[in-house]
């Protein structure tokens, strides 16, 4: 579907009456459900559960097998064929996972520039292109087949939701980036239902204090068994409920993802909802998958991908040391990602085993995913800015800067393909994301400055420094 067609559909949805919006939401949910949970999903989920009880040695043997297989498949792409030749790498000769280190790292910029050269075959009709910018603001195209999506969601079911008694069939409340309620409208309901698959999508763009009572009442009425949320989205609801003495439903668990979960957020959310938070770690690139077990430890699935945590000198970080995440996914045979620099910094745990009995590595801390919190002229927190870059082409890097209550600067490092139309789309996306009353300016720069430690910041609040 073209960008113009998508924009037209968004406008039609926003102008439609509530009933038609819920019909559209249900139709969307039905399509998503079929893509994720039909086909090979059930069989894959069964296999994932079976492997859960494996020993460390079994996981290593499986990784060697999968690395050989994904390497042989990658030979069919011009990108990897050349890369293997230059490194003298033969996948069939790999004897241990560490042998992969002869290959150079794959940067996010290389994925952006050479994503199509990495394809091992012509994409079929069931392939979906995911636009990912993450916290870096650098857009990348990720190609995933229907079969691959079903394998990914088998892990979500077996290695996340099942761990606390839920499943893909559980009634879910979702606090995500989808604009289910027009941003410019300030009247409830701030949610839409998918009546067929039992999901209620809550808007994260209307979390003003005067609206939070409405959110609490709908959560009570809907009574979800499972909640999926960005920590910064569900936290205001939990804080309001505790401050006002409002009761909230008691789901089996709350799964947080995409943002670093602070200790304060965890305490407040778990107290307000009377259940545990189960953090999930992953990315659209689908080369790493982690989830929290019953003991509160974030386990990485060794059969989903091969994880390396590397120090600045390229050597493996020891448990307890911080290091960059480098991952090789096992599921994407159409667009393999081998030694991919995900852009996160983590610390592996020193624990050699977990009381849950699973022989999977434990991430002690995710260190590099906290963004500055910005606010609109109305005082509403702005949670994420990656939707503003969706569908905009010709941007190498992007950064959002707030200089005043009503002034936002979008710094970009443009490629030659960045046109006046792309700039207009970027500004329009920002206006939709923030709502009315803001001035949006696009600044083209040759390079976006890093911090003293070399860290890229996708979101910067300059209001304090200019006050």
Protein backbone atom coordinates (compact mmCIF):
# COMPACT_ATOMS: atom_id res chain seq x y z
CA UNK A 1 0.00 0.00 0.00
CA UNK A 2 1.36 3.43 -0.95
CA UNK A 3 1.98 6.19 1.58
CA UNK A 4 -0.78 8.31 0.01
CA UNK A 5 -3.24 5.44 0.36
CA UNK A 6 -2.27 4.90 4.00
CA UNK A 7 -2.67 8.60 4.71
CA UNK A 8 -6.11 8.58 3.09
CA UNK A 9 -7.15 5.56 5.19
CA UNK A 10 -5.94 7.31 8.36
CA UNK A 11 -8.02 10.37 7.49
CA UNK A 12 -11.09 8.23 6.77
CA UNK A 13 -10.64 6.42 10.07
CA UNK A 14 -10.32 9.67 12.02
CA UNK A 15 -13.47 11.08 10.42
CA UNK A 16 -15.54 7.91 10.86
CA UNK A 17 -18.07 7.49 13.68
CA UNK A 18 -17.09 5.42 16.70
CA UNK A 19 -18.92 2.28 15.59
CA UNK A 20 -17.11 2.21 12.23
CA UNK A 21 -13.78 2.83 13.97
CA UNK A 22 -14.36 -0.25 16.13
CA UNK A 23 -15.34 -2.25 13.05
CA UNK A 24 -12.07 -1.15 11.43
CA UNK A 25 -10.13 -2.04 14.60
CA UNK A 26 -11.72 -5.50 14.66
CA UNK A 27 -10.92 -6.03 10.98
CA UNK A 28 -7.32 -5.02 11.62
CA UNK A 29 -7.14 -7.33 14.63
CA UNK A 30 -8.52 -10.26 12.64
CA UNK A 31 -5.85 -9.79 9.96
CA UNK A 32 -3.10 -9.57 12.59
CA UNK A 33 -4.40 -12.67 14.37
CA UNK A 34 -4.39 -14.72 11.17
CA UNK A 35 -0.86 -13.64 10.28
CA UNK A 36 0.55 -14.39 13.73
CA UNK A 37 -1.37 -17.39 15.05
CA UNK A 38 -2.35 -19.56 12.09
CA UNK A 39 -0.19 -21.80 9.89
CA UNK A 40 2.80 -23.22 11.74
CA UNK A 41 2.25 -21.21 14.95
CA UNK A 42 0.85 -24.02 17.14
CA UNK A 43 3.52 -26.55 16.11
CA UNK A 44 6.31 -24.01 16.59
CA UNK A 45 5.01 -23.04 20.04
CA UNK A 46 5.05 -26.74 21.01
CA UNK A 47 8.67 -27.08 19.87
CA UNK A 48 9.71 -23.94 21.73
CA UNK A 49 8.18 -25.33 24.94
CA UNK A 50 9.99 -28.64 24.46
CA UNK A 51 13.37 -26.94 24.06
CA UNK A 52 12.80 -24.92 27.21
CA UNK A 53 14.05 -27.79 29.40
CA UNK A 54 17.29 -28.28 27.44
CA UNK A 55 20.72 -28.26 29.03
CA UNK A 56 23.31 -25.62 28.19
CA UNK A 57 25.13 -28.19 26.06
CA UNK A 58 21.98 -28.91 24.04
CA UNK A 59 21.44 -25.20 23.40
CA UNK A 60 25.06 -24.79 22.22
CA UNK A 61 24.74 -27.77 19.85
CA UNK A 62 21.52 -26.27 18.48
CA UNK A 63 23.19 -22.88 17.99
CA UNK A 64 26.02 -24.44 16.00
CA UNK A 65 23.48 -26.19 13.78
CA UNK A 66 21.46 -23.00 13.26
CA UNK A 67 24.53 -20.85 12.60
CA UNK A 68 25.68 -23.26 9.91
CA UNK A 69 22.20 -23.27 8.40
CA UNK A 70 21.68 -19.49 8.40
CA UNK A 71 25.20 -19.09 6.99
CA UNK A 72 24.50 -21.45 4.10
CA UNK A 73 21.25 -19.61 3.34
CA UNK A 74 23.03 -16.23 3.53
CA UNK A 75 25.38 -17.29 0.72
CA UNK A 76 22.45 -16.73 -1.66
CA UNK A 77 22.61 -12.96 -1.07
CA UNK A 78 25.24 -10.85 -2.85
CA UNK A 79 25.98 -8.96 0.37
CA UNK A 80 26.92 -12.00 2.44
CA UNK A 81 28.57 -13.87 -0.43
CA UNK A 82 31.12 -11.07 -0.71
CA UNK A 83 31.42 -10.67 3.06
CA UNK A 84 32.12 -14.38 3.58
CA UNK A 85 34.72 -14.43 0.80
CA UNK A 86 36.60 -11.44 2.20
CA UNK A 87 36.64 -12.97 5.70
CA UNK A 88 37.47 -16.49 4.50
CA UNK A 89 34.38 -17.76 6.34
CA UNK A 90 32.85 -21.14 5.54
CA UNK A 91 29.59 -21.77 7.46
CA UNK A 92 29.95 -25.53 7.09
CA UNK A 93 33.30 -25.42 8.90
CA UNK A 94 31.93 -23.64 11.97
CA UNK A 95 32.70 -25.77 15.05
CA UNK A 96 31.62 -23.45 17.86
CA UNK A 97 29.51 -20.25 18.02
CA UNK A 98 32.59 -18.12 18.75
CA UNK A 99 33.95 -19.02 15.29
CA UNK A 100 31.52 -16.44 13.95
CA UNK A 101 33.83 -13.70 15.25
CA UNK A 102 35.94 -13.80 12.05
CA UNK A 103 33.10 -11.90 10.37
CA UNK A 104 32.88 -8.10 10.74
CA UNK A 105 30.04 -6.54 12.67
CA UNK A 106 26.90 -5.51 10.77
CA UNK A 107 25.90 -1.93 11.59
CA UNK A 108 22.41 -0.47 11.48
CA UNK A 109 23.61 1.92 8.79
CA UNK A 110 24.74 -1.02 6.64
CA UNK A 111 21.33 -2.61 7.08
CA UNK A 112 19.71 0.65 6.00
CA UNK A 113 21.91 1.00 2.93
CA UNK A 114 22.20 -2.65 1.87
CA UNK A 115 18.99 -4.21 3.20
CA UNK A 116 17.85 -5.36 -0.22
CA UNK A 117 21.30 -6.73 -1.13
CA UNK A 118 21.00 -8.94 1.95
CA UNK A 119 17.87 -10.68 0.61
CA UNK A 120 18.45 -14.33 -0.23
CA UNK A 121 15.43 -14.59 -2.55
CA UNK A 122 12.77 -12.45 -4.17
CA UNK A 123 10.16 -11.55 -1.49
CA UNK A 124 6.89 -13.47 -1.86
CA UNK A 125 3.41 -11.97 -1.50
CA UNK A 126 3.26 -12.79 2.22
CA UNK A 127 6.36 -10.76 3.10
CA UNK A 128 5.81 -7.67 5.22
CA UNK A 129 8.30 -4.81 5.37
CA UNK A 130 8.68 -3.46 8.89
CA UNK A 131 9.98 0.08 9.26
CA UNK A 132 12.26 0.24 12.25
CA UNK A 133 14.05 3.26 13.64
CA UNK A 134 14.20 2.22 17.30
CA UNK A 135 15.78 4.74 19.64
CA UNK A 136 18.39 5.75 17.07
CA UNK A 137 16.04 7.56 14.70
CA UNK A 138 17.73 5.74 11.79
CA UNK A 139 15.04 4.08 9.64
CA UNK A 140 15.66 0.55 8.39
CA UNK A 141 13.59 -1.89 6.33
CA UNK A 142 13.13 -5.32 7.89
CA UNK A 143 11.67 -8.02 5.63
CA UNK A 144 9.69 -10.74 7.44
CA UNK A 145 7.62 -13.54 5.95
CA UNK A 146 4.33 -14.79 7.38
CA UNK A 147 6.08 -18.00 8.44
CA UNK A 148 8.73 -16.02 10.31
CA UNK A 149 6.12 -13.91 12.10
CA UNK A 150 4.37 -17.08 13.26
CA UNK A 151 7.66 -18.38 14.63
CA UNK A 152 8.30 -15.10 16.46
CA UNK A 153 4.88 -15.11 18.09
CA UNK A 154 5.36 -18.74 19.09
CA UNK A 155 8.15 -17.45 21.34
CA UNK A 156 5.92 -14.70 22.70
CA UNK A 157 3.32 -17.30 23.60
CA UNK A 158 5.58 -20.06 24.94
CA UNK A 159 8.44 -18.02 26.44
CA UNK A 160 6.62 -14.99 27.76
CA UNK A 161 2.85 -15.22 28.25
CA UNK A 162 2.74 -18.91 29.19
CA UNK A 163 5.29 -18.28 31.94
CA UNK A 164 2.62 -16.51 34.01
CA UNK A 165 -0.45 -18.48 32.92
CA UNK A 166 -1.58 -16.37 29.95
CA UNK A 167 -1.60 -17.08 26.21
CA UNK A 168 -2.31 -15.51 22.81
CA UNK A 169 -6.00 -16.19 23.46
CA UNK A 170 -6.06 -14.14 26.69
CA UNK A 171 -8.12 -10.95 26.79
CA UNK A 172 -5.59 -8.15 26.35
CA UNK A 173 -5.34 -4.44 27.09
CA UNK A 174 -2.70 -2.81 24.87
CA UNK A 175 -1.03 0.57 25.49
CA UNK A 176 1.03 1.07 22.30
CA UNK A 177 1.78 3.61 19.59
CA UNK A 178 -1.28 2.90 17.45
CA UNK A 179 -3.41 6.06 17.12
CA UNK A 180 -6.79 4.48 17.82
CA UNK A 181 -8.33 7.78 18.96
CA UNK A 182 -7.78 10.98 16.91
CA UNK A 183 -5.00 12.96 18.59
CA UNK A 184 -6.86 16.27 18.27
CA UNK A 185 -9.97 14.99 20.05
CA UNK A 186 -9.98 15.37 23.82
CA UNK A 187 -13.24 13.59 24.62
CA UNK A 188 -13.55 9.90 25.56
CA UNK A 189 -13.53 7.06 24.74
CA UNK A 190 -9.75 6.99 24.42
CA UNK A 191 -9.76 3.31 23.41
CA UNK A 192 -11.09 1.02 20.69
CA UNK A 193 -12.04 -2.64 20.84
CA UNK A 194 -11.18 -5.58 18.66
CA UNK A 195 -14.28 -7.58 19.53
CA UNK A 196 -13.25 -10.68 17.58
CA UNK A 197 -9.92 -11.45 19.26
CA UNK A 198 -10.59 -9.76 22.60
CA UNK A 199 -8.18 -6.82 22.57
CA UNK A 200 -8.75 -3.28 23.80
CA UNK A 201 -6.31 -0.73 22.37
CA UNK A 202 -5.79 2.32 24.61
CA UNK A 203 -4.45 5.60 23.24
CA UNK A 204 -1.16 6.70 24.77
CA UNK A 205 -1.59 10.23 23.37
CA UNK A 206 -4.35 11.34 25.74
CA UNK A 207 -2.85 10.46 29.12
CA UNK A 208 -3.63 13.83 30.69
CA UNK A 209 -4.52 13.71 34.36
CA UNK A 210 -8.11 14.84 33.72
CA UNK A 211 -8.56 11.84 31.39
CA UNK A 212 -7.10 9.14 33.61
CA UNK A 213 -10.33 8.39 35.47
CA UNK A 214 -11.83 7.35 32.12
CA UNK A 215 -8.92 4.99 31.50
CA UNK A 216 -9.35 3.42 34.96
CA UNK A 217 -13.08 2.86 34.49
CA UNK A 218 -12.61 1.18 31.11
CA UNK A 219 -9.86 -1.04 32.47
CA UNK A 220 -12.19 -2.07 35.31
CA UNK A 221 -15.00 -2.80 32.88
CA UNK A 222 -12.84 -4.64 30.34
CA UNK A 223 -11.00 -6.68 33.03
CA UNK A 224 -8.02 -7.80 30.93
CA UNK A 225 -6.24 -11.06 31.69
CA UNK A 226 -3.04 -9.71 30.17
CA UNK A 227 -1.70 -6.21 29.58
CA UNK A 228 0.93 -5.10 27.05
CA UNK A 229 2.32 -1.62 27.61
CA UNK A 230 5.19 0.80 27.39
CA UNK A 231 6.23 1.50 31.00
CA UNK A 232 5.91 5.26 30.50
CA UNK A 233 2.34 4.80 29.20
CA UNK A 234 0.89 2.63 31.95
CA UNK A 235 2.76 4.39 34.79
CA UNK A 236 0.56 7.56 34.82
CA UNK A 237 -2.57 5.38 35.08
CA UNK A 238 -1.09 3.40 37.98
CA UNK A 239 0.10 6.55 39.78
CA UNK A 240 -3.32 8.18 39.40
CA UNK A 241 -5.12 5.10 40.72
CA UNK A 242 -2.93 4.97 43.81
CA UNK A 243 -3.21 8.71 44.47
CA UNK A 244 -6.99 8.74 44.09
CA UNK A 245 -7.71 5.39 45.72
CA UNK A 246 -9.17 3.97 42.51
CA UNK A 247 -9.24 0.19 42.16
CA UNK A 248 -7.85 -1.39 39.00
CA UNK A 249 -8.30 -4.89 37.55
CA UNK A 250 -5.97 -7.73 38.54
CA UNK A 251 -4.57 -9.25 35.33
CA UNK A 252 -2.40 -12.35 35.37
CA UNK A 253 0.55 -10.19 34.40
CA UNK A 254 1.70 -7.00 32.70
CA UNK A 255 4.27 -7.28 29.91
CA UNK A 256 6.37 -4.16 29.37
CA UNK A 257 8.60 -3.71 26.36
CA UNK A 258 10.54 -1.22 24.17
CA UNK A 259 11.60 1.02 27.06
CA UNK A 260 13.79 0.61 30.11
CA UNK A 261 11.66 -0.12 33.15
CA UNK A 262 12.70 1.93 36.19
CA UNK A 263 12.44 0.63 39.74
CA UNK A 264 9.88 3.35 40.58
CA UNK A 265 7.73 2.40 37.60
CA UNK A 266 7.84 -1.27 38.56
CA UNK A 267 6.87 -0.61 42.18
CA UNK A 268 4.00 1.72 41.28
CA UNK A 269 2.53 -0.40 38.48
CA UNK A 270 2.73 -3.67 40.40
CA UNK A 271 1.14 -2.09 43.48
CA UNK A 272 -1.70 -0.48 41.51
CA UNK A 273 -2.58 -3.57 39.47
CA UNK A 274 -1.80 -6.17 42.12
CA UNK A 275 0.26 -8.34 39.78
CA UNK A 276 3.83 -8.75 38.58
CA UNK A 277 5.49 -7.09 35.63
CA UNK A 278 7.18 -9.37 33.11
CA UNK A 279 9.60 -7.32 31.01
CA UNK A 280 10.25 -8.44 27.41
CA UNK A 281 13.36 -7.65 25.39
CA UNK A 282 13.49 -7.72 21.60
CA UNK A 283 13.38 -5.64 18.45
CA UNK A 284 11.72 -5.49 15.03
CA UNK A 285 14.91 -7.02 13.60
CA UNK A 286 13.94 -10.21 15.49
CA UNK A 287 17.44 -11.45 16.22
CA UNK A 288 17.15 -11.57 20.01
CA UNK A 289 14.30 -12.52 22.34
CA UNK A 290 14.24 -12.19 26.12
CA UNK A 291 11.48 -12.43 28.71
CA UNK A 292 11.11 -12.42 32.48
CA UNK A 293 10.56 -15.73 34.27
CA UNK A 294 8.62 -16.45 37.45
CA UNK A 295 11.72 -15.65 39.52
CA UNK A 296 12.00 -12.16 38.02
CA UNK A 297 15.04 -12.84 35.81
CA UNK A 298 15.18 -11.74 32.18
CA UNK A 299 16.21 -14.83 30.19
CA UNK A 300 17.53 -14.68 26.63
CA UNK A 301 16.34 -17.56 24.40
CA UNK A 302 19.52 -19.18 22.96
CA UNK A 303 17.48 -20.98 20.27
CA UNK A 304 16.06 -17.69 18.91
CA UNK A 305 19.45 -16.24 18.05
CA UNK A 306 23.09 -16.13 19.04
CA UNK A 307 23.82 -13.27 21.43
CA UNK A 308 27.21 -11.62 21.86
CA UNK A 309 27.83 -8.87 24.42
CA UNK A 310 30.99 -7.03 23.39
CA UNK A 311 33.15 -4.38 25.05
CA UNK A 312 34.44 -1.34 23.18
CA UNK A 313 37.59 -3.27 22.16
CA UNK A 314 35.47 -5.96 20.54
CA UNK A 315 36.20 -8.59 23.20
CA UNK A 316 33.35 -10.42 24.96
CA UNK A 317 32.13 -8.69 28.11
CA UNK A 318 32.35 -10.76 31.26
CA UNK A 319 29.20 -11.31 33.35
CA UNK A 320 28.62 -8.12 35.33
CA UNK A 321 30.30 -5.93 32.68
CA UNK A 322 28.43 -3.66 30.32
CA UNK A 323 28.67 -4.41 26.63
CA UNK A 324 27.05 -3.79 23.26
CA UNK A 325 24.45 -6.24 22.01
CA UNK A 326 25.50 -8.06 18.83
CA UNK A 327 23.09 -10.72 17.64
CA UNK A 328 22.63 -13.28 14.89
CA UNK A 329 19.03 -14.30 14.32
CA UNK A 330 17.98 -17.84 13.40
CA UNK A 331 14.46 -17.17 12.08
CA UNK A 332 14.92 -14.80 9.13
CA UNK A 333 16.18 -16.80 6.16
CA UNK A 334 14.97 -14.13 3.72
CA UNK A 335 17.09 -11.32 5.19
CA UNK A 336 19.65 -12.83 7.59
CA UNK A 337 21.18 -10.56 10.19
CA UNK A 338 24.60 -11.92 11.12
CA UNK A 339 26.57 -10.19 13.90
CA UNK A 340 24.13 -7.29 13.87
CA UNK A 341 24.75 -4.32 16.16
CA UNK A 342 21.34 -3.80 17.70
CA UNK A 343 22.31 -0.51 19.35
CA UNK A 344 21.64 -1.49 22.95
CA UNK A 345 24.02 -1.81 25.89
CA UNK A 346 23.30 -4.54 28.44
CA UNK A 347 24.90 -6.24 31.41
CA UNK A 348 24.76 -10.04 31.66
CA UNK A 349 24.16 -11.55 35.09
CA UNK A 350 26.81 -13.34 37.11
CA UNK A 351 24.20 -15.95 38.08
CA UNK A 352 25.15 -19.34 36.69
CA UNK A 353 21.64 -20.73 37.13
CA UNK A 354 18.12 -19.60 37.96
CA UNK A 355 15.68 -21.14 40.45
CA UNK A 356 13.18 -21.47 37.59
CA UNK A 357 15.39 -24.26 36.22
CA UNK A 358 15.88 -22.83 32.72
CA UNK A 359 19.41 -22.97 31.33
CA UNK A 360 19.23 -19.67 29.48
CA UNK A 361 21.49 -16.60 29.86
CA UNK A 362 20.18 -13.83 32.12
CA UNK A 363 20.32 -10.12 31.34
CA UNK A 364 20.86 -8.30 34.61
CA UNK A 365 20.32 -4.80 33.22
CA UNK A 366 19.41 -3.05 29.97
CA UNK A 367 21.51 0.09 30.18
CA UNK A 368 20.90 2.03 26.99
CA UNK A 369 17.22 2.49 26.21
CA UNK A 370 16.08 5.44 28.30
CA UNK A 371 15.06 8.52 26.28
CA UNK A 372 14.41 12.02 27.53
CA UNK A 373 10.77 12.70 28.30
CA UNK A 374 9.33 15.67 26.39
CA UNK A 375 5.98 17.46 26.90
CA UNK A 376 3.43 19.16 24.69
CA UNK A 377 2.14 22.71 25.23
CA UNK A 378 -0.73 21.15 27.20
CA UNK A 379 1.74 19.46 29.52
CA UNK A 380 1.09 15.96 28.16
CA UNK A 381 4.11 13.63 28.19
CA UNK A 382 5.29 12.58 24.74
CA UNK A 383 6.34 8.98 24.97
CA UNK A 384 7.92 8.02 21.66
CA UNK A 385 8.92 9.77 18.44
CA UNK A 386 9.68 6.85 16.13
CA UNK A 387 6.14 7.12 14.58
CA UNK A 388 7.13 10.56 13.24
CA UNK A 389 9.80 8.92 11.06
CA UNK A 390 7.55 6.14 9.76
CA UNK A 391 7.13 6.31 5.99
CA UNK A 392 9.70 9.12 5.59
CA UNK A 393 12.54 8.25 3.23
CA UNK A 394 15.98 9.73 2.68
CA UNK A 395 16.95 10.17 6.34
CA UNK A 396 20.22 8.75 7.59
CA UNK A 397 19.72 9.81 11.20
CA UNK A 398 17.10 11.80 13.04
CA UNK A 399 16.90 13.53 16.40
CA UNK A 400 14.01 15.38 18.06
CA UNK A 401 14.89 18.39 20.21
CA UNK A 402 12.48 20.42 22.36
CA UNK A 403 13.64 24.01 22.84
CA UNK A 404 10.47 25.55 24.23
CA UNK A 405 7.02 24.42 25.25
CA UNK A 406 5.77 24.88 21.71
CA UNK A 407 8.99 24.55 19.69
CA UNK A 408 10.34 21.22 18.43
CA UNK A 409 13.37 20.86 16.18
CA UNK A 410 13.85 17.73 14.10
CA UNK A 411 17.52 17.41 13.22
CA UNK A 412 18.20 15.08 10.31
CA UNK A 413 21.20 13.87 8.39
CA UNK A 414 19.65 13.64 4.93
CA UNK A 415 20.46 11.37 2.05
CA UNK A 416 20.10 12.64 -1.56
CA UNK A 417 16.60 11.15 -1.67
CA UNK A 418 15.28 13.52 1.00
CA UNK A 419 12.94 15.91 -0.81
CA UNK A 420 10.56 18.74 0.05
CA UNK A 421 7.72 16.20 0.03
CA UNK A 422 9.57 14.03 2.55
CA UNK A 423 10.12 17.08 4.77
CA UNK A 424 6.42 17.95 4.57
CA UNK A 425 5.51 14.39 5.55
CA UNK A 426 7.90 14.50 8.51
CA UNK A 427 6.40 17.78 9.74
CA UNK A 428 2.87 16.44 9.28
CA UNK A 429 3.75 13.29 11.23
CA UNK A 430 5.14 15.40 14.06
CA UNK A 431 2.01 17.56 14.12
CA UNK A 432 -0.19 14.47 14.32
CA UNK A 433 2.02 13.03 17.04
CA UNK A 434 2.03 16.17 19.20
CA UNK A 435 -1.38 17.67 18.45
CA UNK A 436 -2.13 21.34 17.68
CA UNK A 437 -0.25 24.38 18.98
CA UNK A 438 3.34 23.46 18.14
CA UNK A 439 6.00 24.86 15.84
CA UNK A 440 7.95 22.16 14.04
CA UNK A 441 11.22 22.97 12.29
CA UNK A 442 13.44 20.61 10.33
CA UNK A 443 17.18 21.25 10.51
CA UNK A 444 19.45 19.49 8.01
CA UNK A 445 22.89 18.82 9.46
CA UNK A 446 25.98 16.95 8.35
CA UNK A 447 26.29 15.12 11.66
CA UNK A 448 24.26 14.79 14.84
CA UNK A 449 26.48 15.40 17.88
CA UNK A 450 27.13 12.54 20.31
CA UNK A 451 27.51 12.81 24.05
CA UNK A 452 30.92 12.85 25.70
CA UNK A 453 30.68 9.06 26.06
CA UNK A 454 29.86 8.69 22.36
CA UNK A 455 26.20 7.89 22.89
CA UNK A 456 23.56 8.89 20.35
CA UNK A 457 20.48 10.56 21.82
CA UNK A 458 17.34 10.31 19.70
CA UNK A 459 15.41 12.71 21.98
CA UNK A 460 16.86 15.80 23.66
CA UNK A 461 15.21 18.22 26.07
CA UNK A 462 16.96 21.60 25.79
CA UNK A 463 14.35 23.53 27.78
CA UNK A 464 16.20 23.18 31.08
CA UNK A 465 19.48 24.41 29.63
CA UNK A 466 17.82 27.39 27.96
CA UNK A 467 15.81 28.45 31.00
